[in-house]
Amino acid sequence: GVQLMQKVFSPETSLIRLADSADPSEQDVQRGYMYMFAGGMSAIRNPKAHDNIEIDKNDALRKLYFASMLMYKLDEAERRKWISP
């Protein structure tokens, strides 16, 4: 959940780097994506997983776009070999 996303993407101890952490601006990018991944778990995944919530087509598309953006960033990290073993 949220704690896992914070551990994996933390700028200080990242297991998956989404930006080069050489300067403060890139650390901000890492931190921002950490919050987006954690927020996705908290605001999108958890309510849907724990309750029987129905969403309309447009809401589903917005959530899919958001997830797609996050997955694209993960793919980019993999291409750059920024994922720790």
N, C-alpha and C. Protein backbone atom coordinates (compact mmCIF):
# COMPACT_ATOMS: atom_id res chain seq x y z
N GLY A 1 0.80 -1.18 0.00
CA GLY A 1 0.00 0.00 0.00
C GLY A 1 0.86 1.26 0.00
N VAL A 2 0.37 2.23 0.71
CA VAL A 2 1.02 3.54 0.75
C VAL A 2 2.45 3.44 1.29
N GLN A 3 2.64 2.73 2.40
CA GLN A 3 3.98 2.63 2.98
C GLN A 3 4.96 1.95 2.03
N LEU A 4 4.49 0.96 1.30
CA LEU A 4 5.35 0.28 0.33
C LEU A 4 5.79 1.25 -0.77
N MET A 5 4.85 2.04 -1.28
CA MET A 5 5.18 3.02 -2.32
C MET A 5 6.19 4.04 -1.81
N GLN A 6 6.02 4.45 -0.56
CA GLN A 6 6.94 5.42 0.02
C GLN A 6 8.33 4.82 0.20
N LYS A 7 8.41 3.56 0.53
CA LYS A 7 9.70 2.90 0.70
C LYS A 7 10.38 2.72 -0.66
N VAL A 8 9.64 2.23 -1.62
CA VAL A 8 10.21 1.92 -2.94
C VAL A 8 10.66 3.17 -3.68
N PHE A 9 9.89 4.26 -3.58
CA PHE A 9 10.17 5.44 -4.38
C PHE A 9 10.78 6.61 -3.60
N SER A 10 11.06 6.43 -2.31
CA SER A 10 11.64 7.50 -1.50
C SER A 10 12.92 8.05 -2.14
N PRO A 11 13.07 9.37 -2.23
CA PRO A 11 14.31 9.93 -2.80
C PRO A 11 15.56 9.51 -2.02
N GLU A 12 15.41 9.28 -0.73
CA GLU A 12 16.57 8.94 0.10
C GLU A 12 16.97 7.47 -0.03
N THR A 13 16.01 6.57 -0.15
CA THR A 13 16.29 5.14 -0.14
C THR A 13 15.63 4.41 -1.31
N SER A 14 15.50 5.05 -2.43
CA SER A 14 14.71 4.49 -3.54
C SER A 14 15.25 3.14 -4.03
N LEU A 15 14.34 2.20 -4.18
CA LEU A 15 14.65 0.94 -4.84
C LEU A 15 14.40 1.07 -6.33
N ILE A 16 13.50 1.99 -6.68
CA ILE A 16 13.23 2.31 -8.09
C ILE A 16 13.40 3.81 -8.26
N ARG A 17 14.41 4.19 -9.01
CA ARG A 17 14.65 5.61 -9.28
C ARG A 17 13.88 6.00 -10.54
N LEU A 18 13.15 7.08 -10.46
CA LEU A 18 12.38 7.57 -11.59
C LEU A 18 13.01 8.82 -12.17
N ALA A 19 14.09 9.28 -11.56
CA ALA A 19 14.83 10.44 -12.04
C ALA A 19 16.26 10.31 -11.53
N ASP A 20 17.18 10.96 -12.22
CA ASP A 20 18.55 11.00 -11.73
C ASP A 20 18.55 11.85 -10.47
N SER A 21 19.07 11.33 -9.39
CA SER A 21 18.96 12.03 -8.11
C SER A 21 20.15 12.94 -7.82
N ALA A 22 20.79 13.43 -8.86
CA ALA A 22 22.01 14.23 -8.67
C ALA A 22 21.73 15.63 -8.13
N ASP A 23 20.58 16.20 -8.42
CA ASP A 23 20.32 17.56 -7.96
C ASP A 23 18.93 17.67 -7.31
N PRO A 24 18.69 18.75 -6.59
CA PRO A 24 17.40 18.90 -5.87
C PRO A 24 16.18 18.83 -6.78
N SER A 25 16.27 19.34 -7.97
CA SER A 25 15.13 19.31 -8.88
C SER A 25 14.75 17.87 -9.24
N GLU A 26 15.74 17.04 -9.49
CA GLU A 26 15.48 15.64 -9.80
C GLU A 26 14.97 14.89 -8.57
N GLN A 27 15.44 15.27 -7.40
CA GLN A 27 14.92 14.66 -6.17
C GLN A 27 13.45 15.04 -5.99
N ASP A 28 13.07 16.25 -6.41
CA ASP A 28 11.67 16.66 -6.36
C ASP A 28 10.82 15.80 -7.29
N VAL A 29 11.36 15.48 -8.47
CA VAL A 29 10.65 14.60 -9.41
C VAL A 29 10.42 13.24 -8.75
N GLN A 30 11.47 12.68 -8.15
CA GLN A 30 11.36 11.39 -7.47
C GLN A 30 10.30 11.45 -6.38
N ARG A 31 10.37 12.50 -5.56
CA ARG A 31 9.41 12.66 -4.46
C ARG A 31 7.98 12.82 -4.99
N GLY A 32 7.82 13.58 -6.06
CA GLY A 32 6.49 13.79 -6.63
C GLY A 32 5.87 12.49 -7.13
N TYR A 33 6.67 11.68 -7.83
CA TYR A 33 6.15 10.39 -8.29
C TYR A 33 5.89 9.45 -7.11
N MET A 34 6.71 9.53 -6.07
CA MET A 34 6.45 8.72 -4.88
C MET A 34 5.05 9.06 -4.33
N TYR A 35 4.75 10.36 -4.26
CA TYR A 35 3.43 10.77 -3.76
C TYR A 35 2.32 10.34 -4.71
N MET A 36 2.57 10.38 -6.01
CA MET A 36 1.53 9.95 -6.95
C MET A 36 1.26 8.45 -6.84
N PHE A 37 2.33 7.63 -6.74
CA PHE A 37 2.13 6.19 -6.55
C PHE A 37 1.42 5.91 -5.23
N ALA A 38 1.86 6.56 -4.15
CA ALA A 38 1.21 6.36 -2.85
C ALA A 38 -0.24 6.84 -2.89
N GLY A 39 -0.48 7.97 -3.54
CA GLY A 39 -1.83 8.50 -3.66
C GLY A 39 -2.74 7.59 -4.46
N GLY A 40 -2.18 6.99 -5.51
CA GLY A 40 -2.96 6.03 -6.29
C GLY A 40 -3.41 4.84 -5.45
N MET A 41 -2.53 4.40 -4.57
CA MET A 41 -2.89 3.29 -3.68
C MET A 41 -3.97 3.73 -2.69
N SER A 42 -3.78 4.91 -2.12
CA SER A 42 -4.69 5.39 -1.09
C SER A 42 -6.05 5.83 -1.63
N ALA A 43 -6.03 6.58 -2.70
CA ALA A 43 -7.27 7.19 -3.19
C ALA A 43 -8.00 6.39 -4.25
N ILE A 44 -7.28 5.56 -4.99
CA ILE A 44 -7.92 4.84 -6.10
C ILE A 44 -8.04 3.34 -5.80
N ARG A 45 -6.92 2.71 -5.49
CA ARG A 45 -6.95 1.27 -5.29
C ARG A 45 -7.68 0.85 -4.02
N ASN A 46 -7.32 1.43 -2.87
CA ASN A 46 -7.89 0.98 -1.60
C ASN A 46 -9.41 1.08 -1.52
N PRO A 47 -10.01 2.20 -1.86
CA PRO A 47 -11.48 2.26 -1.77
C PRO A 47 -12.16 1.25 -2.69
N LYS A 48 -11.66 1.09 -3.89
CA LYS A 48 -12.26 0.16 -4.83
C LYS A 48 -12.05 -1.29 -4.38
N ALA A 49 -10.91 -1.57 -3.76
CA ALA A 49 -10.62 -2.93 -3.32
C ALA A 49 -11.41 -3.33 -2.08
N HIS A 50 -11.72 -2.37 -1.23
CA HIS A 50 -12.36 -2.69 0.05
C HIS A 50 -13.88 -2.47 0.06
N ASP A 51 -14.40 -1.76 -0.91
CA ASP A 51 -15.83 -1.53 -0.99
C ASP A 51 -16.32 -1.90 -2.39
N ASN A 52 -17.59 -2.10 -2.51
CA ASN A 52 -18.17 -2.41 -3.81
C ASN A 52 -18.62 -1.10 -4.47
N ILE A 53 -17.66 -0.35 -4.98
CA ILE A 53 -17.93 0.96 -5.58
C ILE A 53 -18.07 0.81 -7.08
N GLU A 54 -19.11 1.40 -7.62
CA GLU A 54 -19.27 1.43 -9.07
C GLU A 54 -18.86 2.80 -9.58
N ILE A 55 -18.13 2.79 -10.69
CA ILE A 55 -17.71 4.06 -11.29
C ILE A 55 -18.21 4.10 -12.72
N ASP A 56 -18.38 5.31 -13.24
CA ASP A 56 -18.86 5.42 -14.61
C ASP A 56 -17.68 5.35 -15.59
N LYS A 57 -18.00 5.29 -16.85
CA LYS A 57 -17.00 5.11 -17.91
C LYS A 57 -15.95 6.22 -17.88
N ASN A 58 -16.36 7.45 -17.73
CA ASN A 58 -15.40 8.57 -17.75
C ASN A 58 -14.45 8.52 -16.56
N ASP A 59 -14.97 8.17 -15.38
CA ASP A 59 -14.11 8.05 -14.22
C ASP A 59 -13.12 6.90 -14.41
N ALA A 60 -13.59 5.81 -14.96
CA ALA A 60 -12.70 4.67 -15.22
C ALA A 60 -11.59 5.07 -16.19
N LEU A 61 -11.93 5.82 -17.22
CA LEU A 61 -10.92 6.27 -18.19
C LEU A 61 -9.88 7.18 -17.54
N ARG A 62 -10.34 8.10 -16.70
CA ARG A 62 -9.39 8.99 -16.00
C ARG A 62 -8.43 8.18 -15.14
N LYS A 63 -8.94 7.19 -14.44
CA LYS A 63 -8.09 6.36 -13.59
C LYS A 63 -7.12 5.51 -14.42
N LEU A 64 -7.59 5.05 -15.55
CA LEU A 64 -6.70 4.29 -16.45
C LEU A 64 -5.60 5.18 -17.02
N TYR A 65 -5.92 6.41 -17.36
CA TYR A 65 -4.90 7.34 -17.85
C TYR A 65 -3.85 7.59 -16.78
N PHE A 66 -4.29 7.78 -15.56
CA PHE A 66 -3.37 8.01 -14.45
C PHE A 66 -2.46 6.79 -14.25
N ALA A 67 -3.05 5.60 -14.22
CA ALA A 67 -2.26 4.37 -14.06
C ALA A 67 -1.30 4.19 -15.23
N SER A 68 -1.75 4.52 -16.43
CA SER A 68 -0.90 4.40 -17.61
C SER A 68 0.32 5.31 -17.51
N MET A 69 0.13 6.52 -17.03
CA MET A 69 1.24 7.46 -16.86
C MET A 69 2.26 6.89 -15.87
N LEU A 70 1.78 6.34 -14.76
CA LEU A 70 2.68 5.76 -13.77
C LEU A 70 3.43 4.56 -14.34
N MET A 71 2.74 3.72 -15.09
CA MET A 71 3.39 2.54 -15.67
C MET A 71 4.42 2.94 -16.73
N TYR A 72 4.13 4.00 -17.49
CA TYR A 72 5.10 4.51 -18.46
C TYR A 72 6.38 4.94 -17.74
N LYS A 73 6.24 5.61 -16.60
CA LYS A 73 7.40 6.06 -15.84
C LYS A 73 8.19 4.86 -15.32
N LEU A 74 7.51 3.80 -14.90
CA LEU A 74 8.20 2.58 -14.47
C LEU A 74 8.96 1.94 -15.63
N ASP A 75 8.33 1.90 -16.79
CA ASP A 75 9.01 1.35 -17.98
C ASP A 75 10.26 2.14 -18.30
N GLU A 76 10.17 3.46 -18.18
CA GLU A 76 11.33 4.31 -18.43
C GLU A 76 12.45 4.01 -17.44
N ALA A 77 12.12 3.81 -16.18
CA ALA A 77 13.13 3.47 -15.16
C ALA A 77 13.79 2.14 -15.49
N GLU A 78 13.01 1.19 -15.98
CA GLU A 78 13.56 -0.12 -16.35
C GLU A 78 14.52 0.01 -17.53
N ARG A 79 14.14 0.81 -18.52
CA ARG A 79 15.01 1.01 -19.69
C ARG A 79 16.33 1.65 -19.28
N ARG A 80 16.30 2.53 -18.29
CA ARG A 80 17.51 3.21 -17.84
C ARG A 80 18.27 2.41 -16.79
N LYS A 81 17.76 1.23 -16.44
CA LYS A 81 18.41 0.38 -15.43
C LYS A 81 18.46 1.05 -14.06
N TRP A 82 17.38 1.73 -13.70
CA TRP A 82 17.30 2.45 -12.42
C TRP A 82 16.57 1.65 -11.36
N ILE A 83 16.35 0.37 -11.61
CA ILE A 83 15.64 -0.46 -10.64
C ILE A 83 16.65 -1.31 -9.90
N SER A 84 16.68 -1.20 -8.57
CA SER A 84 17.62 -1.96 -7.76
C SER A 84 17.19 -3.42 -7.68
N PRO A 85 18.16 -4.33 -7.62
CA PRO A 85 17.80 -5.77 -7.50
C PRO A 85 17.27 -6.10 -6.12
